């Protein structure tokens, strides 16, 4: 059945909404990242659960059910939560510039147990040009291990696979349909194991992915309007968020636009509304109507047209792009970059560059894996705006007909629905 969406329709916001039963105005997760005003820095993909305000569903269940336990596996904001067991990606970055795949677990000894049984977590198949079913399969196997050995009352498992080819090729492409069949088989096996163990199962998605054909360079427009400021450094141009009058944190089809001086809000809004590919600009009233009126949100929130999405790019000359731009650098880029799913060129040149960089890595040299395109022209699928038709939005599938909720169901209702399943 259809599941009502939340704005922005992105992973961190949707998952936090499901697990707290509240909107971003309460739980505070206004996107996959935001501008930390007190630091004057943009941070995406933080992992501390302490960023999420409000009671979590496992905390509510623990109050009601004696002996309740919860495993939270790869759902976001998974570090330092009050769940009994948790697993999340956590690479190590040595001083020589390498990125070594790894995970963070609670309790810590679970990490060694998983790696001995399953091998290292396949980080480079979790995100980047090599993203594939391999990472979701590892997560499913980890879930089986935790379920078999710990028997949690509630197990939350996030499988990311459908994000990959649906963004690469669009949801209607044959390769995306093949990805759907592949993850469907993986889910079927995991659900089958859970059902044989006597568990009820809920399958949910965070959003639907729709076809797109045009990237919108929102920060370049703000720079041309002399609102966005950069620093010219030896590592290329860097966004100077603290000095900018306005800039955007691009997050798929939604962008939080931060405006330093309230007197500039009207002019910035006019600039955004002139930009081709912007469908709507939310002010304070618009954010309130969307449940997005939280201090972390931008002064304005831009929503893309159905066939468009926002890039984070702010440089006007590729020769001045920051050194991290052609790399998979989810923590250094001041916005989401789906171009990280692609190699710069599909021919032998980029493959040779990858081989050369890997050789440098193996020999212990410092290296930059600069193989990602500096444009968004390859991207064919995106999400973030609310679905125009519920059939294109998130879905809810349950194993118990007796507990089927009323239709339509809001994403905030999942909190109480989980508790209903646990208490029966």
Protein backbone atom coordinates (compact mmCIF):
# COMPACT_ATOMS: atom_id res chain seq x y z
CA UNK A 1 0.00 0.00 0.00
CA UNK A 2 1.16 3.62 -0.52
CA UNK A 3 3.01 5.28 2.34
CA UNK A 4 2.83 9.04 2.64
CA UNK A 5 6.10 10.82 2.05
CA UNK A 6 7.93 13.52 3.97
CA UNK A 7 9.76 16.59 2.66
CA UNK A 8 12.59 16.31 1.87
CA UNK A 9 12.13 12.76 0.62
CA UNK A 10 15.69 11.68 1.42
CA UNK A 11 17.19 8.89 3.50
CA UNK A 12 18.05 10.61 6.78
CA UNK A 13 14.85 12.63 7.01
CA UNK A 14 12.59 9.72 6.10
CA UNK A 15 14.24 7.25 8.44
CA UNK A 16 14.18 9.70 11.34
CA UNK A 17 10.49 10.38 10.68
CA UNK A 18 9.68 6.66 10.74
CA UNK A 19 11.62 5.98 13.93
CA UNK A 20 10.30 8.96 15.94
CA UNK A 21 6.79 9.34 14.52
CA UNK A 22 7.41 13.06 14.13
CA UNK A 23 8.17 15.51 11.34
CA UNK A 24 11.48 17.33 10.80
CA UNK A 25 10.20 20.28 12.82
CA UNK A 26 10.39 18.01 15.87
CA UNK A 27 13.21 15.53 15.19
CA UNK A 28 15.46 18.10 13.47
CA UNK A 29 16.76 16.01 10.57
CA UNK A 30 16.01 18.46 7.78
CA UNK A 31 18.00 16.54 5.15
CA UNK A 32 21.00 14.28 4.69
CA UNK A 33 22.97 17.23 5.99
CA UNK A 34 22.71 20.93 6.66
CA UNK A 35 24.65 24.09 7.46
CA UNK A 36 25.90 24.14 11.03
CA UNK A 37 25.60 27.87 11.59
CA UNK A 38 27.69 27.91 14.76
CA UNK A 39 30.58 26.29 12.85
CA UNK A 40 29.95 28.07 9.54
CA UNK A 41 30.39 24.67 7.90
CA UNK A 42 28.25 22.26 5.88
CA UNK A 43 28.22 18.66 7.10
CA UNK A 44 26.47 15.75 5.44
CA UNK A 45 26.11 12.15 6.51
CA UNK A 46 26.88 12.62 10.21
CA UNK A 47 26.30 9.49 12.25
CA UNK A 48 25.58 10.37 15.87
CA UNK A 49 22.05 9.42 16.95
CA UNK A 50 22.16 12.36 19.33
CA UNK A 51 21.38 14.63 16.37
CA UNK A 52 17.88 13.11 16.25
CA UNK A 53 15.51 14.66 18.80
CA UNK A 54 12.62 12.83 20.41
CA UNK A 55 11.88 9.34 21.67
CA UNK A 56 12.85 6.54 19.27
CA UNK A 57 10.53 3.63 18.61
CA UNK A 58 12.79 1.14 20.40
CA UNK A 59 12.87 3.40 23.46
CA UNK A 60 9.07 3.52 23.53
CA UNK A 61 8.89 -0.26 23.11
CA UNK A 62 11.41 -0.82 25.90
CA UNK A 63 9.21 1.16 28.31
CA UNK A 64 6.19 -0.99 27.46
CA UNK A 65 7.62 -4.46 26.95
CA UNK A 66 9.73 -6.24 29.60
CA UNK A 67 12.82 -7.83 28.10
CA UNK A 68 12.54 -5.90 24.81
CA UNK A 69 15.72 -5.61 22.69
CA UNK A 70 16.46 -3.92 19.38
CA UNK A 71 19.06 -4.34 16.63
CA UNK A 72 19.50 -1.30 14.37
CA UNK A 73 21.46 -2.40 11.32
CA UNK A 74 22.62 0.24 8.84
CA UNK A 75 19.70 2.61 9.42
CA UNK A 76 21.20 6.08 9.56
CA UNK A 77 22.25 7.94 12.74
CA UNK A 78 23.38 4.64 14.17
CA UNK A 79 26.26 5.64 16.42
CA UNK A 80 25.72 6.11 20.16
CA UNK A 81 22.03 5.21 19.98
CA UNK A 82 20.22 3.40 22.79
CA UNK A 83 19.57 0.33 20.60
CA UNK A 84 21.04 -2.88 22.00
CA UNK A 85 22.99 -3.75 18.84
CA UNK A 86 23.92 -1.47 15.96
CA UNK A 87 26.09 -1.61 12.85
CA UNK A 88 26.99 1.28 10.53
CA UNK A 89 29.69 1.97 7.90
CA UNK A 90 32.74 3.63 9.42
CA UNK A 91 35.89 3.74 7.28
CA UNK A 92 39.28 4.61 8.75
CA UNK A 93 41.31 7.45 7.23
CA UNK A 94 45.05 7.03 7.99
CA UNK A 95 47.36 10.03 7.81
CA UNK A 96 48.67 8.97 4.38
CA UNK A 97 45.29 9.68 2.74
CA UNK A 98 44.00 6.11 2.40
CA UNK A 99 40.37 5.14 3.01
CA UNK A 100 40.14 1.74 4.67
CA UNK A 101 36.71 0.06 4.74
CA UNK A 102 35.27 -0.68 8.13
CA UNK A 103 32.22 -0.63 10.36
CA UNK A 104 31.32 0.76 13.77
CA UNK A 105 29.31 -1.50 16.06
CA UNK A 106 27.70 -1.42 19.44
CA UNK A 107 28.84 -3.42 21.33
CA UNK A 108 32.35 -3.07 19.92
CA UNK A 109 33.08 -6.79 19.96
CA UNK A 110 30.30 -7.33 17.41
CA UNK A 111 32.62 -5.85 14.76
CA UNK A 112 35.16 -8.66 15.09
CA UNK A 113 32.42 -11.27 15.19
CA UNK A 114 30.93 -10.01 11.93
CA UNK A 115 34.25 -9.63 10.12
CA UNK A 116 35.36 -13.09 11.09
CA UNK A 117 32.12 -14.56 9.77
CA UNK A 118 31.54 -12.37 6.70
CA UNK A 119 34.86 -10.72 5.86
CA UNK A 120 35.41 -6.95 5.65
CA UNK A 121 32.43 -4.73 4.92
CA UNK A 122 32.47 -3.95 1.14
CA UNK A 123 32.51 -0.17 1.49
CA UNK A 124 33.38 0.48 -2.16
CA UNK A 125 30.28 -1.47 -3.20
CA UNK A 126 28.16 0.50 -0.70
CA UNK A 127 28.71 3.81 -2.48
CA UNK A 128 30.66 5.08 -5.50
CA UNK A 129 31.07 3.84 -9.07
CA UNK A 130 31.31 0.26 -7.78
CA UNK A 131 28.09 0.39 -5.72
CA UNK A 132 26.25 -2.90 -6.21
CA UNK A 133 24.22 -5.68 -4.63
CA UNK A 134 27.36 -6.91 -2.85
CA UNK A 135 26.93 -4.41 0.00
CA UNK A 136 23.24 -5.18 0.51
CA UNK A 137 24.02 -8.90 0.53
CA UNK A 138 26.65 -8.35 3.26
CA UNK A 139 24.10 -6.36 5.30
CA UNK A 140 21.48 -9.10 4.91
CA UNK A 141 23.99 -11.72 6.01
CA UNK A 142 24.92 -9.57 9.01
CA UNK A 143 21.24 -9.29 9.91
CA UNK A 144 20.89 -13.07 9.82
CA UNK A 145 23.89 -13.47 12.10
CA UNK A 146 22.54 -10.96 14.64
CA UNK A 147 19.03 -12.45 14.54
CA UNK A 148 20.30 -16.00 14.94
CA UNK A 149 22.70 -15.25 17.80
CA UNK A 150 20.92 -12.43 19.66
CA UNK A 151 17.19 -12.89 18.87
CA UNK A 152 16.26 -9.17 19.07
CA UNK A 153 12.61 -8.35 19.64
CA UNK A 154 12.85 -5.74 16.86
CA UNK A 155 15.38 -5.83 14.03
CA UNK A 156 15.71 -2.83 11.69
CA UNK A 157 17.60 -3.58 8.46
CA UNK A 158 18.42 -1.04 5.72
CA UNK A 159 19.26 -2.39 2.25
CA UNK A 160 20.46 0.45 -0.04
CA UNK A 161 20.62 -1.34 -3.39
CA UNK A 162 17.72 0.28 -5.25
CA UNK A 163 19.29 3.72 -4.95
CA UNK A 164 22.13 2.82 -7.29
CA UNK A 165 20.91 1.87 -10.75
CA UNK A 166 17.69 3.85 -10.33
CA UNK A 167 19.78 7.01 -10.00
CA UNK A 168 22.24 5.93 -12.66
CA UNK A 169 19.75 4.95 -15.35
CA UNK A 170 16.30 6.04 -14.19
CA UNK A 171 13.60 3.81 -12.68
CA UNK A 172 12.21 2.61 -16.01
CA UNK A 173 15.50 1.38 -17.48
CA UNK A 174 15.95 -2.38 -17.94
CA UNK A 175 19.05 -2.28 -15.70
CA UNK A 176 17.00 -0.74 -12.88
CA UNK A 177 14.33 -3.39 -13.28
CA UNK A 178 17.05 -6.03 -13.01
CA UNK A 179 18.27 -4.35 -9.81
CA UNK A 180 14.72 -4.53 -8.46
CA UNK A 181 14.53 -8.26 -9.17
CA UNK A 182 17.93 -8.80 -7.55
CA UNK A 183 17.10 -7.03 -4.30
CA UNK A 184 13.64 -8.60 -4.29
CA UNK A 185 15.30 -12.01 -4.16
CA UNK A 186 17.58 -10.85 -1.34
CA UNK A 187 14.64 -9.49 0.64
CA UNK A 188 12.61 -12.65 0.00
CA UNK A 189 15.34 -14.80 1.54
CA UNK A 190 15.71 -12.52 4.57
CA UNK A 191 11.95 -12.22 5.09
CA UNK A 192 11.60 -15.99 4.75
CA UNK A 193 14.15 -16.54 7.49
CA UNK A 194 12.41 -14.01 9.74
CA UNK A 195 8.98 -15.56 9.17
CA UNK A 196 10.28 -19.05 9.93
CA UNK A 197 11.61 -17.64 13.19
CA UNK A 198 8.06 -16.46 14.00
CA UNK A 199 8.53 -12.74 13.29
CA UNK A 200 6.10 -10.35 11.68
CA UNK A 201 7.67 -8.31 8.89
CA UNK A 202 7.19 -4.75 7.65
CA UNK A 203 8.89 -3.69 4.41
CA UNK A 204 9.06 0.08 3.89
CA UNK A 205 10.72 2.45 1.46
CA UNK A 206 11.74 6.03 2.14
CA UNK A 207 10.75 7.53 -1.22
CA UNK A 208 10.19 6.76 -4.86
CA UNK A 209 12.81 7.57 -7.48
CA UNK A 210 11.58 9.34 -10.61
CA UNK A 211 13.20 9.99 -14.02
CA UNK A 212 15.18 13.21 -14.37
CA UNK A 213 16.90 14.79 -17.34
CA UNK A 214 18.45 18.07 -16.16
CA UNK A 215 20.77 19.11 -13.35
CA UNK A 216 20.20 22.56 -11.87
CA UNK A 217 23.35 24.43 -10.79
CA UNK A 218 21.74 26.39 -7.98
CA UNK A 219 24.98 27.52 -6.32
CA UNK A 220 26.44 28.72 -9.61
CA UNK A 221 23.37 30.92 -10.05
CA UNK A 222 23.86 32.35 -6.57
CA UNK A 223 27.53 32.96 -7.29
CA UNK A 224 26.79 34.76 -10.54
CA UNK A 225 24.39 36.94 -8.56
CA UNK A 226 27.34 37.81 -6.26
CA UNK A 227 25.66 36.15 -3.30
CA UNK A 228 27.99 33.15 -2.91
CA UNK A 229 31.65 33.62 -1.96
CA UNK A 230 34.58 31.25 -2.47
CA UNK A 231 38.13 31.05 -1.17
CA UNK A 232 40.83 30.62 -3.81
CA UNK A 233 43.28 28.04 -2.40
CA UNK A 234 46.05 25.75 -3.61
CA UNK A 235 43.46 22.95 -3.47
CA UNK A 236 41.04 24.82 -5.74
CA UNK A 237 38.09 27.03 -4.93
CA UNK A 238 36.37 26.29 -1.63
CA UNK A 239 32.91 27.46 -0.62
CA UNK A 240 33.19 30.18 2.01
CA UNK A 241 29.85 29.57 3.67
CA UNK A 242 30.41 31.95 6.56
CA UNK A 243 31.11 34.90 4.24
CA UNK A 244 28.47 34.10 1.64
CA UNK A 245 25.31 36.16 1.62
CA UNK A 246 23.48 33.07 0.33
CA UNK A 247 24.34 29.52 -0.71
CA UNK A 248 22.52 26.22 -1.09
CA UNK A 249 23.03 22.81 0.46
CA UNK A 250 21.85 20.69 -2.46
CA UNK A 251 20.19 17.41 -1.50
CA UNK A 252 18.79 15.63 -4.57
CA UNK A 253 15.61 17.54 -5.55
CA UNK A 254 15.57 19.80 -2.48
CA UNK A 255 18.04 22.51 -1.50
CA UNK A 256 18.24 24.38 1.78
CA UNK A 257 19.25 27.95 0.94
CA UNK A 258 20.94 29.75 3.81
CA UNK A 259 20.73 33.55 3.77
CA UNK A 260 23.04 35.39 6.15
CA UNK A 261 21.15 38.72 6.30
CA UNK A 262 17.34 38.62 6.64
CA UNK A 263 17.21 41.73 4.47
CA UNK A 264 18.49 39.64 1.53
CA UNK A 265 15.79 36.93 1.71
CA UNK A 266 13.49 38.65 -0.80
CA UNK A 267 16.26 39.17 -3.34
CA UNK A 268 17.53 35.61 -2.95
CA UNK A 269 14.04 34.23 -3.39
CA UNK A 270 13.59 36.24 -6.58
CA UNK A 271 16.90 34.89 -7.88
CA UNK A 272 15.83 31.32 -7.19
CA UNK A 273 12.42 31.74 -8.76
CA UNK A 274 14.07 32.92 -11.98
CA UNK A 275 16.18 29.77 -12.17
CA UNK A 276 14.99 27.22 -14.71
CA UNK A 277 14.27 23.90 -12.99
CA UNK A 278 13.07 25.38 -9.69
CA UNK A 279 9.41 24.52 -9.15
CA UNK A 280 8.84 26.11 -5.76
CA UNK A 281 10.60 28.17 -3.11
CA UNK A 282 9.38 27.72 0.46
CA UNK A 283 9.56 30.64 2.88
CA UNK A 284 8.68 30.46 6.57
CA UNK A 285 5.01 29.73 5.86
CA UNK A 286 5.89 27.12 3.26
CA UNK A 287 8.30 25.38 5.62
CA UNK A 288 5.67 25.37 8.34
CA UNK A 289 3.11 23.79 6.03
CA UNK A 290 5.64 21.08 5.10
CA UNK A 291 6.65 20.38 8.71
CA UNK A 292 10.14 21.63 7.89
CA UNK A 293 10.19 24.70 10.13
CA UNK A 294 13.23 23.81 12.22
CA UNK A 295 16.21 26.08 13.04
CA UNK A 296 18.52 23.81 11.02
CA UNK A 297 16.55 24.45 7.82
CA UNK A 298 17.57 27.12 5.35
CA UNK A 299 15.88 30.49 5.38
CA UNK A 300 14.48 29.32 2.05
CA UNK A 301 13.96 25.80 0.71
CA UNK A 302 14.04 25.26 -3.06
CA UNK A 303 12.15 22.33 -4.59
CA UNK A 304 13.14 21.17 -8.08
CA UNK A 305 10.83 20.52 -11.00
CA UNK A 306 9.83 16.85 -11.38
CA UNK A 307 12.46 16.20 -14.08
CA UNK A 308 15.25 18.20 -12.42
CA UNK A 309 17.65 17.91 -9.49
CA UNK A 310 20.14 20.20 -7.73
CA UNK A 311 23.92 19.97 -8.01
CA UNK A 312 26.21 21.29 -5.29
CA UNK A 313 28.67 22.78 -7.82
CA UNK A 314 29.71 26.34 -7.05
CA UNK A 315 32.82 26.87 -9.24
CA UNK A 316 32.47 28.47 -12.66
CA UNK A 317 35.61 26.99 -14.22
CA UNK A 318 36.40 23.27 -13.92
CA UNK A 319 40.10 24.14 -13.77
CA UNK A 320 39.36 25.74 -10.39
CA UNK A 321 37.23 22.91 -9.01
CA UNK A 322 38.30 21.79 -5.51
CA UNK A 323 40.59 18.79 -5.41
CA UNK A 324 37.89 16.63 -3.84
CA UNK A 325 35.36 17.27 -6.61
CA UNK A 326 36.44 14.37 -8.90
CA UNK A 327 36.55 11.95 -5.95
CA UNK A 328 34.07 10.06 -3.80
CA UNK A 329 34.13 12.47 -0.85
CA UNK A 330 30.73 12.46 0.82
CA UNK A 331 31.96 14.34 3.89
CA UNK A 332 33.92 17.11 2.16
CA UNK A 333 31.42 18.11 -0.50
CA UNK A 334 28.94 20.78 0.70
CA UNK A 335 26.03 18.93 -0.91
CA UNK A 336 25.00 15.58 -2.29
CA UNK A 337 26.76 14.42 -5.48
CA UNK A 338 25.13 11.53 -7.40
CA UNK A 339 27.88 11.85 -10.03
CA UNK A 340 29.89 9.73 -7.57
CA UNK A 341 28.02 6.73 -8.98
CA UNK A 342 29.84 7.15 -12.29
CA UNK A 343 33.34 7.13 -13.74
CA UNK A 344 34.31 10.31 -15.55
CA UNK A 345 34.38 8.51 -18.91
CA UNK A 346 33.19 5.00 -19.74
CA UNK A 347 36.24 4.31 -21.89
CA UNK A 348 39.67 2.92 -21.16
CA UNK A 349 41.15 6.27 -20.08
CA UNK A 350 39.36 6.38 -16.75
CA UNK A 351 39.88 2.67 -16.18
CA UNK A 352 43.61 3.16 -16.65
CA UNK A 353 43.52 6.08 -14.21
CA UNK A 354 41.77 3.86 -11.66
CA UNK A 355 44.41 1.15 -12.15
CA UNK A 356 47.21 3.69 -11.72
CA UNK A 357 45.69 5.05 -8.52
CA UNK A 358 45.23 1.55 -7.11
CA UNK A 359 48.86 0.77 -7.89
CA UNK A 360 49.89 3.92 -6.00
CA UNK A 361 47.75 2.78 -3.08
CA UNK A 362 49.31 -0.69 -3.02
CA UNK A 363 52.81 0.79 -3.12
CA UNK A 364 52.05 3.07 -0.19
CA UNK A 365 52.11 6.37 -2.10
CA UNK A 366 49.72 9.22 -1.43
CA UNK A 367 47.11 9.38 -4.15
CA UNK A 368 43.80 11.01 -5.13
CA UNK A 369 41.17 8.76 -6.70
CA UNK A 370 40.15 11.53 -9.12
CA UNK A 371 37.88 9.55 -11.44
CA UNK A 372 34.42 11.11 -10.89
CA UNK A 373 32.80 13.40 -13.51
CA UNK A 374 32.54 17.13 -12.78
CA UNK A 375 29.01 17.29 -14.18
CA UNK A 376 25.65 15.70 -13.53
CA UNK A 377 24.70 14.89 -17.09
CA UNK A 378 24.80 11.11 -16.54
CA UNK A 379 22.21 11.09 -13.72
CA UNK A 380 18.81 9.78 -14.81
CA UNK A 381 16.94 9.28 -11.53
CA UNK A 382 16.40 11.37 -8.41
CA UNK A 383 14.12 11.98 -5.43
CA UNK A 384 13.54 14.55 -2.73
CA UNK A 385 10.31 16.27 -3.72
CA UNK A 386 6.98 14.81 -2.66
CA UNK A 387 5.50 12.43 -5.22
CA UNK A 388 2.89 13.96 -7.53
CA UNK A 389 1.10 10.59 -7.54
CA UNK A 390 1.12 8.19 -4.55
CA UNK A 391 1.97 5.32 -6.91
CA UNK A 392 5.39 6.94 -7.36
CA UNK A 393 6.01 7.43 -3.64
CA UNK A 394 7.17 5.15 -0.82
CA UNK A 395 5.37 1.88 -0.04
CA UNK A 396 4.45 -0.18 3.00
CA UNK A 397 4.17 -3.98 2.85
CA UNK A 398 3.22 -6.05 5.89
CA UNK A 399 2.99 -9.74 6.69
CA UNK A 400 -0.03 -9.42 9.00
CA UNK A 401 -3.36 -8.57 7.33
CA UNK A 402 -4.99 -8.23 10.74
CA UNK A 403 -2.71 -5.27 11.55
CA UNK A 404 -3.10 -3.53 8.19
CA UNK A 405 -3.38 0.23 8.90
CA UNK A 406 -5.91 2.57 7.39
CA UNK A 407 -5.24 3.83 3.90
CA UNK A 408 -3.69 6.36 3.39
CA UNK A 409 -0.90 5.96 5.93
CA UNK A 410 1.48 8.78 6.84
CA UNK A 411 5.17 8.11 7.33
CA UNK A 412 4.81 9.32 10.92
CA UNK A 413 2.33 6.44 11.50
CA UNK A 414 5.07 3.82 11.13
CA UNK A 415 6.18 4.50 14.72
CA UNK A 416 2.82 3.42 16.17
CA UNK A 417 2.46 0.62 13.61
CA UNK A 418 5.71 -0.97 14.78
CA UNK A 419 4.55 -0.73 18.39
CA UNK A 420 1.23 -2.33 17.46
CA UNK A 421 3.06 -5.29 15.90
CA UNK A 422 5.29 -5.64 18.95
CA UNK A 423 2.46 -5.50 21.50
CA UNK A 424 0.06 -7.98 19.95
